[in-house]
Each structure stands twice: as C-alpha cells, then as structure tokens.
Amino acid sequence: MKNIFYIILISIVASACTTVNPWERGILAKTEMAWEPDPLMGQLQEHVYFSKEGSNGGYGAGGGGCGCN
C-alpha cells in the first residue's frame, strides 16, 4: 500500500515539472502574470491595511494604528 502511495506521489510531483520554451517566456513575462502586477499599489494597500490594524503594529516595524511609524 505504501509503494502505491509513493508511486502516485512521485508521478504527481514529476508531472508538475516542465520546461518553458523561449517563445513562451514572453507570455509569462507579462504584468498580468505577476503575483502582484503593481508593486507600488500593493505596498500602499498593505500600508493602509496595517495602519488600520492597530493591534498588529504595522508590517515589519513598531507603531500604532494611526499609520505613523
């Protein structure tokens, strides 16, 4: 039973590995494909979120809920 599990696990992991052809790299490099298409907007939204979340103290720095770190 363990062997069947390991064979299935290895086949699933191995099927996820693939190479990207040079002509496909341009498609993957588009801004829509990024985790965060606009990094500046992401930082602003993160700042606003952690400024409102007074109990957390901000992202990476100490401070209150007022947004002034």
Protein backbone atom coordinates (compact mmCIF):
# COMPACT_ATOMS: atom_id res chain seq x y z
CA MET A 1 0.00 0.00 0.00
CA LYS A 2 2.87 2.37 0.81
CA ASN A 3 4.51 1.65 -2.52
CA ILE A 4 1.37 2.59 -4.43
CA PHE A 5 1.12 5.83 -2.46
CA TYR A 6 4.75 6.71 -3.22
CA ILE A 7 4.34 5.90 -6.91
CA ILE A 8 1.28 8.12 -7.15
CA LEU A 9 3.01 10.89 -5.20
CA ILE A 10 6.12 10.78 -7.40
CA SER A 11 4.04 10.78 -10.57
CA ILE A 12 2.09 13.84 -9.43
CA VAL A 13 5.24 15.73 -8.44
CA ALA A 14 7.07 14.75 -11.63
CA SER A 15 4.17 15.80 -13.84
CA ALA A 16 4.35 19.35 -12.47
CA CYS A 17 7.91 19.80 -13.76
CA THR A 18 8.07 21.28 -17.23
CA THR A 19 10.37 23.38 -19.35
CA VAL A 20 9.39 26.74 -20.75
CA ASN A 21 10.17 27.24 -24.39
CA PRO A 22 11.77 30.55 -25.45
CA TRP A 23 8.69 31.65 -27.39
CA GLU A 24 6.52 31.10 -24.28
CA ARG A 25 8.64 33.24 -21.99
CA GLY A 26 7.25 36.46 -23.42
CA ILE A 27 3.73 35.40 -22.45
CA LEU A 28 4.82 34.54 -18.91
CA ALA A 29 6.68 37.84 -18.52
CA LYS A 30 3.53 39.95 -18.92
CA THR A 31 2.47 42.05 -15.96
CA GLU A 32 -0.83 40.17 -15.74
CA MET A 33 1.09 37.01 -14.91
CA ALA A 34 2.94 38.54 -11.94
CA TRP A 35 1.92 37.72 -8.39
CA GLU A 36 1.49 41.42 -7.81
CA PRO A 37 1.07 43.32 -11.09
CA ASP A 38 1.56 46.75 -9.50
CA PRO A 39 4.07 46.56 -6.61
CA LEU A 40 3.57 50.19 -5.60
CA MET A 41 -0.20 49.75 -5.28
CA GLY A 42 0.40 46.57 -3.29
CA GLN A 43 2.65 48.43 -0.86
CA LEU A 44 0.05 51.19 -0.49
CA GLN A 45 -2.74 48.70 0.20
CA GLU A 46 -0.52 46.86 2.67
CA HIS A 47 0.29 50.12 4.46
CA VAL A 48 -3.38 51.07 4.69
CA TYR A 49 -4.33 47.63 5.96
CA PHE A 50 -1.69 47.53 8.67
CA SER A 51 -2.37 51.15 9.62
CA LYS A 52 -5.98 50.26 10.29
CA GLU A 53 -4.99 47.11 12.15
CA GLY A 54 -3.85 48.79 15.36
CA SER A 55 -3.28 45.59 17.30
CA ASN A 56 -0.66 44.34 14.85
CA GLY A 57 1.62 47.35 14.97
CA GLY A 58 2.39 47.60 11.28
CA TYR A 59 4.30 45.45 8.85
CA GLY A 60 7.91 44.97 9.96
CA ALA A 61 8.01 48.00 12.24
CA GLY A 62 6.51 49.03 15.50
CA GLY A 63 3.82 51.66 15.62
CA GLY A 64 0.26 52.38 16.42
CA GLY A 65 -2.90 52.30 14.37
CA CYS A 66 -2.50 55.87 13.17
CA GLY A 67 -0.16 54.95 10.29
CA CYS A 68 2.82 56.93 11.59
CA ASN A 69 5.66 54.50 12.12
